[in-house]
């Protein structure tokens, strides 16, 4: 699990609950099914109106990707590509055909397959850039779902507050109904603003970071395979691909050396 994401959710919820209890409140005051139905139902309805169902479903499935540990290490990818370069330098690019079964990433596997089949470097770049642009465009839609939800939910929370106040005005003669209406009004606003700023918008931001990391990784794969196809020296290739690594990875490599 991604420690940053888990800790962020925990701290946000714990901070709000702790502040509520310090002021003498209790969690039960926030449990308003009517307010939750208005905010969550209204937000999901608006999102489904804006985006296709398949995009919304893909966005919610990708939540697991945000909270999962990011196990893909680009420094290890550099070592793999350099090993391919050494093998291709000794035995030719065609020799990489035996390594195709060991490649699990579809993008890298397709690029190596095209290289083994004798595709020219320029043609290989064009083909793989189309695949890269297409996958990136699709992935960029996913955080947009949560950004839109983060924009809708506060407004729908206000809508829930207005509905609660309408009920209050209609039952001024019944103090119990007045209390219930005011509770729905304020809790609906809390739900709308809270879910936007504690979940939807941060989730979209983290998702965009992960998408950029994956895109950078694919760019590294493409540059590596094309350089191998062009016959670049493995040591030069390692230096070239190291430019893709962030400063943290560079520091770790220097310490290990």
C-alpha atoms as a PDB file:
ATOM      1  CA  UNK A   1       0.000   0.000   0.000  1.00  0.00           C
ATOM      2  CA  UNK A   2       1.081   3.567  -0.665  1.00  0.00           C
ATOM      3  CA  UNK A   3       1.949   4.986   2.769  1.00  0.00           C
ATOM      4  CA  UNK A   4       1.464   8.588   1.708  1.00  0.00           C
ATOM      5  CA  UNK A   5      -2.089   8.048   0.456  1.00  0.00           C
ATOM      6  CA  UNK A   6      -3.129   5.948   3.454  1.00  0.00           C
ATOM      7  CA  UNK A   7      -1.590   8.410   5.925  1.00  0.00           C
ATOM      8  CA  UNK A   8      -3.231  11.352   4.161  1.00  0.00           C
ATOM      9  CA  UNK A   9      -6.723   9.871   4.406  1.00  0.00           C
ATOM     10  CA  UNK A  10      -6.181   8.835   8.018  1.00  0.00           C
ATOM     11  CA  UNK A  11      -4.836  12.219   9.116  1.00  0.00           C
ATOM     12  CA  UNK A  12      -7.597  14.136   7.356  1.00  0.00           C
ATOM     13  CA  UNK A  13     -10.412  12.096   8.903  1.00  0.00           C
ATOM     14  CA  UNK A  14      -8.733  11.867  12.309  1.00  0.00           C
ATOM     15  CA  UNK A  15      -8.113  15.606  12.422  1.00  0.00           C
ATOM     16  CA  UNK A  16     -11.727  16.455  11.653  1.00  0.00           C
ATOM     17  CA  UNK A  17     -13.133  13.935  14.120  1.00  0.00           C
ATOM     18  CA  UNK A  18     -10.708  15.049  16.830  1.00  0.00           C
ATOM     19  CA  UNK A  19     -11.661  18.683  16.306  1.00  0.00           C
ATOM     20  CA  UNK A  20     -15.350  17.784  16.482  1.00  0.00           C
ATOM     21  CA  UNK A  21     -14.921  15.886  19.734  1.00  0.00           C
ATOM     22  CA  UNK A  22     -12.784  18.611  21.298  1.00  0.00           C
ATOM     23  CA  UNK A  23     -15.659  21.018  20.691  1.00  0.00           C
ATOM     24  CA  UNK A  24     -17.989  18.638  22.536  1.00  0.00           C
ATOM     25  CA  UNK A  25     -19.579  16.988  19.505  1.00  0.00           C
ATOM     26  CA  UNK A  26     -19.829  13.341  18.526  1.00  0.00           C
ATOM     27  CA  UNK A  27     -19.595  11.342  15.324  1.00  0.00           C
ATOM     28  CA  UNK A  28     -23.302  10.563  15.422  1.00  0.00           C
ATOM     29  CA  UNK A  29     -24.047  14.198  14.618  1.00  0.00           C
ATOM     30  CA  UNK A  30     -22.501  13.706  11.175  1.00  0.00           C
ATOM     31  CA  UNK A  31     -24.503  10.578  10.378  1.00  0.00           C
ATOM     32  CA  UNK A  32     -27.367  11.957   8.309  1.00  0.00           C
ATOM     33  CA  UNK A  33     -28.577   9.463   5.649  1.00  0.00           C
ATOM     34  CA  UNK A  34     -30.718  12.094   3.957  1.00  0.00           C
ATOM     35  CA  UNK A  35     -27.800  14.480   3.540  1.00  0.00           C
ATOM     36  CA  UNK A  36     -25.577  11.658   2.264  1.00  0.00           C
ATOM     37  CA  UNK A  37     -28.214  10.607  -0.268  1.00  0.00           C
ATOM     38  CA  UNK A  38     -28.560  14.146  -1.594  1.00  0.00           C
ATOM     39  CA  UNK A  39     -24.813  14.837  -1.893  1.00  0.00           C
ATOM     40  CA  UNK A  40     -23.497  11.476  -3.091  1.00  0.00           C
ATOM     41  CA  UNK A  41     -26.494  10.698  -5.278  1.00  0.00           C
ATOM     42  CA  UNK A  42     -26.548  14.156  -6.832  1.00  0.00           C
ATOM     43  CA  UNK A  43     -22.779  14.169  -7.415  1.00  0.00           C
ATOM     44  CA  UNK A  44     -22.761  10.743  -9.053  1.00  0.00           C
ATOM     45  CA  UNK A  45     -25.703  11.700 -11.224  1.00  0.00           C
ATOM     46  CA  UNK A  46     -23.931  14.831 -12.441  1.00  0.00           C
ATOM     47  CA  UNK A  47     -20.715  12.911 -13.118  1.00  0.00           C
ATOM     48  CA  UNK A  48     -22.559  10.242 -15.097  1.00  0.00           C
ATOM     49  CA  UNK A  49     -24.233  12.959 -17.123  1.00  0.00           C
ATOM     50  CA  UNK A  50     -20.858  14.478 -18.016  1.00  0.00           C
ATOM     51  CA  UNK A  51     -18.828  11.289 -18.655  1.00  0.00           C
ATOM     52  CA  UNK A  52     -19.582   7.945 -20.337  1.00  0.00           C
ATOM     53  CA  UNK A  53     -20.296   5.073 -17.950  1.00  0.00           C
ATOM     54  CA  UNK A  54     -17.164   3.215 -19.102  1.00  0.00           C
ATOM     55  CA  UNK A  55     -14.958   6.200 -18.202  1.00  0.00           C
ATOM     56  CA  UNK A  56     -16.542   6.579 -14.765  1.00  0.00           C
ATOM     57  CA  UNK A  57     -16.146   2.848 -14.091  1.00  0.00           C
ATOM     58  CA  UNK A  58     -12.489   2.947 -15.175  1.00  0.00           C
ATOM     59  CA  UNK A  59     -11.871   5.965 -12.941  1.00  0.00           C
ATOM     60  CA  UNK A  60     -13.231   4.233  -9.838  1.00  0.00           C
ATOM     61  CA  UNK A  61     -11.305   1.050 -10.662  1.00  0.00           C
ATOM     62  CA  UNK A  62      -8.117   3.122 -10.856  1.00  0.00           C
ATOM     63  CA  UNK A  63      -8.546   4.207  -7.210  1.00  0.00           C
ATOM     64  CA  UNK A  64      -6.808   0.973  -6.225  1.00  0.00           C
ATOM     65  CA  UNK A  65      -3.822   2.083  -8.339  1.00  0.00           C
ATOM     66  CA  UNK A  66      -3.542   5.255  -6.253  1.00  0.00           C
ATOM     67  CA  UNK A  67      -3.513   3.451  -2.901  1.00  0.00           C
ATOM     68  CA  UNK A  68      -1.347   0.549  -4.075  1.00  0.00           C
ATOM     69  CA  UNK A  69       2.410   0.710  -3.634  1.00  0.00           C
ATOM     70  CA  UNK A  70       4.140   2.010  -6.743  1.00  0.00           C
ATOM     71  CA  UNK A  71       6.434  -0.971  -7.335  1.00  0.00           C
ATOM     72  CA  UNK A  72       7.712   0.021 -10.783  1.00  0.00           C
ATOM     73  CA  UNK A  73      11.271   1.286 -10.461  1.00  0.00           C
ATOM     74  CA  UNK A  74      12.801   3.110 -13.382  1.00  0.00           C
ATOM     75  CA  UNK A  75      16.347   2.371 -12.257  1.00  0.00           C
ATOM     76  CA  UNK A  76      15.623  -1.340 -12.639  1.00  0.00           C
ATOM     77  CA  UNK A  77      14.176  -0.665 -16.094  1.00  0.00           C
ATOM     78  CA  UNK A  78      17.459   1.019 -17.078  1.00  0.00           C
ATOM     79  CA  UNK A  79      19.350  -2.130 -16.111  1.00  0.00           C
ATOM     80  CA  UNK A  80      16.993  -4.291 -18.182  1.00  0.00           C
ATOM     81  CA  UNK A  81      17.370  -2.093 -21.256  1.00  0.00           C
ATOM     82  CA  UNK A  82      21.146  -1.965 -20.866  1.00  0.00           C
ATOM     83  CA  UNK A  83      21.188  -5.776 -20.658  1.00  0.00           C
ATOM     84  CA  UNK A  84      19.171  -5.905 -23.883  1.00  0.00           C
ATOM     85  CA  UNK A  85      21.662  -3.503 -25.474  1.00  0.00           C
ATOM     86  CA  UNK A  86      24.606  -5.693 -24.490  1.00  0.00           C
ATOM     87  CA  UNK A  87      22.921  -8.776 -25.892  1.00  0.00           C
ATOM     88  CA  UNK A  88      21.932  -7.010 -29.118  1.00  0.00           C
ATOM     89  CA  UNK A  89      25.496  -5.689 -29.494  1.00  0.00           C
ATOM     90  CA  UNK A  90      26.938  -9.211 -29.245  1.00  0.00           C
ATOM     91  CA  UNK A  91      24.331 -11.264 -31.103  1.00  0.00           C
ATOM     92  CA  UNK A  92      22.207  -8.750 -33.017  1.00  0.00           C
ATOM     93  CA  UNK A  93      18.771  -7.287 -32.314  1.00  0.00           C
ATOM     94  CA  UNK A  94      17.097 -10.498 -33.526  1.00  0.00           C
ATOM     95  CA  UNK A  95      18.535 -12.305 -30.481  1.00  0.00           C
ATOM     96  CA  UNK A  96      16.115 -10.341 -28.277  1.00  0.00           C
ATOM     97  CA  UNK A  97      13.321 -12.527 -29.637  1.00  0.00           C
ATOM     98  CA  UNK A  98      14.090 -15.081 -26.922  1.00  0.00           C
ATOM     99  CA  UNK A  99      13.514 -12.397 -24.243  1.00  0.00           C
ATOM    100  CA  UNK A 100      10.007 -11.464 -25.374  1.00  0.00           C
ATOM    101  CA  UNK A 101       8.427 -14.038 -23.060  1.00  0.00           C
ATOM    102  CA  UNK A 102      10.134 -12.452 -20.051  1.00  0.00           C
ATOM    103  CA  UNK A 103       8.767  -8.953 -20.784  1.00  0.00           C
ATOM    104  CA  UNK A 104       5.525  -8.310 -18.894  1.00  0.00           C
ATOM    105  CA  UNK A 105       4.927  -4.679 -19.836  1.00  0.00           C
ATOM    106  CA  UNK A 106       2.775  -4.609 -23.023  1.00  0.00           C
ATOM    107  CA  UNK A 107       4.316  -1.351 -24.280  1.00  0.00           C
ATOM    108  CA  UNK A 108       7.905  -2.551 -23.953  1.00  0.00           C
ATOM    109  CA  UNK A 109       7.022  -5.942 -25.388  1.00  0.00           C
ATOM    110  CA  UNK A 110       5.441  -4.376 -28.465  1.00  0.00           C
ATOM    111  CA  UNK A 111       8.433  -2.077 -28.992  1.00  0.00           C
ATOM    112  CA  UNK A 112      10.961  -4.923 -28.714  1.00  0.00           C
ATOM    113  CA  UNK A 113       8.834  -7.082 -31.007  1.00  0.00           C
ATOM    114  CA  UNK A 114       8.842  -4.389 -33.685  1.00  0.00           C
ATOM    115  CA  UNK A 115      12.603  -3.999 -33.293  1.00  0.00           C
ATOM    116  CA  UNK A 116      13.145  -7.741 -33.669  1.00  0.00           C
ATOM    117  CA  UNK A 117      10.976  -7.743 -36.802  1.00  0.00           C
ATOM    118  CA  UNK A 118      13.365  -5.266 -38.424  1.00  0.00           C
ATOM    119  CA  UNK A 119      11.303  -2.075 -38.165  1.00  0.00           C
ATOM    120  CA  UNK A 120      13.264   1.078 -38.953  1.00  0.00           C
ATOM    121  CA  UNK A 121      13.915   3.346 -35.931  1.00  0.00           C
ATOM    122  CA  UNK A 122      11.882   6.222 -37.375  1.00  0.00           C
ATOM    123  CA  UNK A 123       8.918   3.983 -38.174  1.00  0.00           C
ATOM    124  CA  UNK A 124       9.115   2.317 -34.768  1.00  0.00           C
ATOM    125  CA  UNK A 125       9.034   5.708 -33.069  1.00  0.00           C
ATOM    126  CA  UNK A 126       5.964   6.792 -35.038  1.00  0.00           C
ATOM    127  CA  UNK A 127       4.094   3.560 -34.305  1.00  0.00           C
ATOM    128  CA  UNK A 128       4.852   3.560 -30.595  1.00  0.00           C
ATOM    129  CA  UNK A 129       4.169   7.293 -30.188  1.00  0.00           C
ATOM    130  CA  UNK A 130       0.660   6.698 -31.535  1.00  0.00           C
ATOM    131  CA  UNK A 131       0.192   3.992 -28.893  1.00  0.00           C
ATOM    132  CA  UNK A 132       1.704   6.245 -26.225  1.00  0.00           C
ATOM    133  CA  UNK A 133      -0.507   9.220 -27.104  1.00  0.00           C
ATOM    134  CA  UNK A 134      -3.620   7.048 -27.248  1.00  0.00           C
ATOM    135  CA  UNK A 135      -3.060   5.447 -23.841  1.00  0.00           C
ATOM    136  CA  UNK A 136      -2.127   8.785 -22.255  1.00  0.00           C
ATOM    137  CA  UNK A 137      -5.236  10.468 -23.638  1.00  0.00           C
ATOM    138  CA  UNK A 138      -7.418   7.710 -22.218  1.00  0.00           C
ATOM    139  CA  UNK A 139      -5.712   7.846 -18.806  1.00  0.00           C
ATOM    140  CA  UNK A 140      -5.982  11.643 -18.632  1.00  0.00           C
ATOM    141  CA  UNK A 141      -9.778  11.347 -18.628  1.00  0.00           C
ATOM    142  CA  UNK A 142      -9.777   9.386 -15.373  1.00  0.00           C
ATOM    143  CA  UNK A 143      -8.638  12.153 -12.979  1.00  0.00           C
ATOM    144  CA  UNK A 144     -11.021  14.518 -14.778  1.00  0.00           C
ATOM    145  CA  UNK A 145     -13.881  12.417 -13.399  1.00  0.00           C
ATOM    146  CA  UNK A 146     -12.815  13.148  -9.816  1.00  0.00           C
ATOM    147  CA  UNK A 147     -12.038  16.782 -10.562  1.00  0.00           C
ATOM    148  CA  UNK A 148     -15.574  17.211 -11.863  1.00  0.00           C
ATOM    149  CA  UNK A 149     -16.983  15.381  -8.843  1.00  0.00           C
ATOM    150  CA  UNK A 150     -14.966  17.722  -6.626  1.00  0.00           C
ATOM    151  CA  UNK A 151     -16.559  20.677  -8.381  1.00  0.00           C
ATOM    152  CA  UNK A 152     -20.100  19.332  -8.215  1.00  0.00           C
ATOM    153  CA  UNK A 153     -20.251  18.057  -4.638  1.00  0.00           C
ATOM    154  CA  UNK A 154     -19.915  21.419  -2.775  1.00  0.00           C
ATOM    155  CA  UNK A 155     -22.672  22.933  -4.906  1.00  0.00           C
ATOM    156  CA  UNK A 156     -24.898  19.928  -4.360  1.00  0.00           C
ATOM    157  CA  UNK A 157     -24.102  20.197  -0.644  1.00  0.00           C
ATOM    158  CA  UNK A 158     -25.480  23.728  -0.745  1.00  0.00           C
ATOM    159  CA  UNK A 159     -28.529  22.359  -2.553  1.00  0.00           C
ATOM    160  CA  UNK A 160     -28.996  19.892   0.299  1.00  0.00           C
ATOM    161  CA  UNK A 161     -28.681  22.750   2.781  1.00  0.00           C
ATOM    162  CA  UNK A 162     -31.384  24.733   0.985  1.00  0.00           C
ATOM    163  CA  UNK A 163     -33.664  21.692   0.945  1.00  0.00           C
ATOM    164  CA  UNK A 164     -33.104  21.260   4.685  1.00  0.00           C
ATOM    165  CA  UNK A 165     -33.942  24.903   5.338  1.00  0.00           C
ATOM    166  CA  UNK A 166     -37.108  24.584   3.263  1.00  0.00           C
ATOM    167  CA  UNK A 167     -38.200  21.781   5.575  1.00  0.00           C
ATOM    168  CA  UNK A 168     -37.378  23.964   8.570  1.00  0.00           C
ATOM    169  CA  UNK A 169     -39.558  26.797   7.281  1.00  0.00           C
ATOM    170  CA  UNK A 170     -42.471  24.430   6.734  1.00  0.00           C
ATOM    171  CA  UNK A 171     -42.360  23.018  10.259  1.00  0.00           C
ATOM    172  CA  UNK A 172     -41.663  25.995  12.468  1.00  0.00           C
ATOM    173  CA  UNK A 173     -44.453  24.820  14.746  1.00  0.00           C
ATOM    174  CA  UNK A 174     -42.710  21.480  15.375  1.00  0.00           C
ATOM    175  CA  UNK A 175     -39.377  21.880  17.130  1.00  0.00           C
ATOM    176  CA  UNK A 176     -38.316  18.286  16.354  1.00  0.00           C
ATOM    177  CA  UNK A 177     -38.785  18.789  12.624  1.00  0.00           C
ATOM    178  CA  UNK A 178     -36.931  22.100  12.860  1.00  0.00           C
ATOM    179  CA  UNK A 179     -33.943  20.370  14.477  1.00  0.00           C
ATOM    180  CA  UNK A 180     -33.933  17.589  11.884  1.00  0.00           C
ATOM    181  CA  UNK A 181     -34.090  20.037   8.996  1.00  0.00           C
ATOM    182  CA  UNK A 182     -31.246  22.159  10.337  1.00  0.00           C
ATOM    183  CA  UNK A 183     -29.117  19.033  10.849  1.00  0.00           C
ATOM    184  CA  UNK A 184     -29.659  17.920   7.263  1.00  0.00           C
ATOM    185  CA  UNK A 185     -28.867  21.430   6.051  1.00  0.00           C
ATOM    186  CA  UNK A 186     -25.506  21.750   7.770  1.00  0.00           C
ATOM    187  CA  UNK A 187     -24.401  18.127   7.375  1.00  0.00           C
ATOM    188  CA  UNK A 188     -25.154  18.207   3.647  1.00  0.00           C
ATOM    189  CA  UNK A 189     -22.820  21.178   3.313  1.00  0.00           C
ATOM    190  CA  UNK A 190     -20.138  19.361   5.318  1.00  0.00           C
ATOM    191  CA  UNK A 191     -20.485  16.264   3.122  1.00  0.00           C
ATOM    192  CA  UNK A 192     -20.256  18.282  -0.084  1.00  0.00           C
ATOM    193  CA  UNK A 193     -17.232  20.380   0.885  1.00  0.00           C
ATOM    194  CA  UNK A 194     -15.530  17.552   2.774  1.00  0.00           C
ATOM    195  CA  UNK A 195     -15.757  14.890   0.080  1.00  0.00           C
ATOM    196  CA  UNK A 196     -14.486  17.361  -2.523  1.00  0.00           C
ATOM    197  CA  UNK A 197     -11.462  18.608  -0.603  1.00  0.00           C
ATOM    198  CA  UNK A 198     -10.554  15.457   1.317  1.00  0.00           C
ATOM    199  CA  UNK A 199     -11.134  12.847  -1.380  1.00  0.00           C
ATOM    200  CA  UNK A 200     -12.095  13.827  -4.931  1.00  0.00           C
ATOM    201  CA  UNK A 201      -9.605  16.641  -5.615  1.00  0.00           C
ATOM    202  CA  UNK A 202      -6.584  15.078  -3.813  1.00  0.00           C
ATOM    203  CA  UNK A 203      -7.350  11.766  -5.520  1.00  0.00           C
ATOM    204  CA  UNK A 204      -7.365  13.442  -8.934  1.00  0.00           C
ATOM    205  CA  UNK A 205      -4.052  15.141  -8.176  1.00  0.00           C
ATOM    206  CA  UNK A 206      -2.370  11.901  -7.058  1.00  0.00           C
ATOM    207  CA  UNK A 207      -3.774  10.101 -10.070  1.00  0.00           C
ATOM    208  CA  UNK A 208      -2.268  12.685 -12.435  1.00  0.00           C
ATOM    209  CA  UNK A 209       1.128  12.166 -10.789  1.00  0.00           C
ATOM    210  CA  UNK A 210       0.874   8.410 -11.302  1.00  0.00           C
ATOM    211  CA  UNK A 211      -0.189   8.882 -14.924  1.00  0.00           C
ATOM    212  CA  UNK A 212       2.802  11.146 -15.561  1.00  0.00           C
ATOM    213  CA  UNK A 213       5.115   8.575 -13.953  1.00  0.00           C
ATOM    214  CA  UNK A 214       3.732   5.830 -16.202  1.00  0.00           C
ATOM    215  CA  UNK A 215       4.042   8.067 -19.260  1.00  0.00           C
ATOM    216  CA  UNK A 216       7.656   8.868 -18.397  1.00  0.00           C
ATOM    217  CA  UNK A 217       8.362   5.169 -17.981  1.00  0.00           C
ATOM    218  CA  UNK A 218       6.967   4.415 -21.440  1.00  0.00           C
ATOM    219  CA  UNK A 219       9.010   7.242 -22.944  1.00  0.00           C
ATOM    220  CA  UNK A 220      12.084   5.698 -21.360  1.00  0.00           C
ATOM    221  CA  UNK A 221      11.205   2.316 -22.864  1.00  0.00           C
ATOM    222  CA  UNK A 222      10.751   3.842 -26.303  1.00  0.00           C
ATOM    223  CA  UNK A 223      14.042   5.739 -26.202  1.00  0.00           C
ATOM    224  CA  UNK A 224      15.825   2.646 -24.944  1.00  0.00           C
ATOM    225  CA  UNK A 225      14.542   0.327 -27.665  1.00  0.00           C
ATOM    226  CA  UNK A 226      15.185   2.862 -30.443  1.00  0.00           C
ATOM    227  CA  UNK A 227      18.721   3.443 -29.152  1.00  0.00           C
ATOM    228  CA  UNK A 228      19.325  -0.318 -29.130  1.00  0.00           C
ATOM    229  CA  UNK A 229      18.022  -0.541 -32.679  1.00  0.00           C
ATOM    230  CA  UNK A 230      20.354   2.266 -33.717  1.00  0.00           C
ATOM    231  CA  UNK A 231      23.312   0.395 -32.201  1.00  0.00           C
ATOM    232  CA  UNK A 232      24.094   2.796 -29.351  1.00  0.00           C
ATOM    233  CA  UNK A 233      26.869   1.748 -27.005  1.00  0.00           C
ATOM    234  CA  UNK A 234      25.337   0.171 -23.841  1.00  0.00           C
ATOM    235  CA  UNK A 235      27.279   2.513 -21.567  1.00  0.00           C
ATOM    236  CA  UNK A 236      26.085   5.552 -23.505  1.00  0.00           C
ATOM    237  CA  UNK A 237      22.549   4.143 -23.350  1.00  0.00           C
ATOM    238  CA  UNK A 238      22.760   3.865 -19.568  1.00  0.00           C
ATOM    239  CA  UNK A 239      23.862   7.501 -19.318  1.00  0.00           C
ATOM    240  CA  UNK A 240      21.077   8.568 -21.681  1.00  0.00           C
ATOM    241  CA  UNK A 241      18.343   6.713 -19.802  1.00  0.00           C
ATOM    242  CA  UNK A 242      19.637   7.923 -16.437  1.00  0.00           C
ATOM    243  CA  UNK A 243      18.423  11.355 -17.494  1.00  0.00           C
ATOM    244  CA  UNK A 244      14.887  10.068 -17.012  1.00  0.00           C
ATOM    245  CA  UNK A 245      15.527   9.186 -13.395  1.00  0.00           C
ATOM    246  CA  UNK A 246      14.534  11.714 -10.774  1.00  0.00           C
ATOM    247  CA  UNK A 247      17.017  13.158  -8.339  1.00  0.00           C
ATOM    248  CA  UNK A 248      16.024  10.763  -5.582  1.00  0.00           C
ATOM    249  CA  UNK A 249      16.914   7.722  -7.677  1.00  0.00           C
ATOM    250  CA  UNK A 250      20.213   9.298  -8.699  1.00  0.00           C
ATOM    251  CA  UNK A 251      21.139   9.882  -5.065  1.00  0.00           C
ATOM    252  CA  UNK A 252      20.294   6.258  -4.209  1.00  0.00           C
ATOM    253  CA  UNK A 253      22.485   4.993  -7.058  1.00  0.00           C
ATOM    254  CA  UNK A 254      25.408   7.183  -5.948  1.00  0.00           C
ATOM    255  CA  UNK A 255      25.102   5.899  -2.366  1.00  0.00           C
ATOM    256  CA  UNK A 256      25.000   2.290  -3.568  1.00  0.00           C
ATOM    257  CA  UNK A 257      28.156   2.842  -5.635  1.00  0.00           C
END
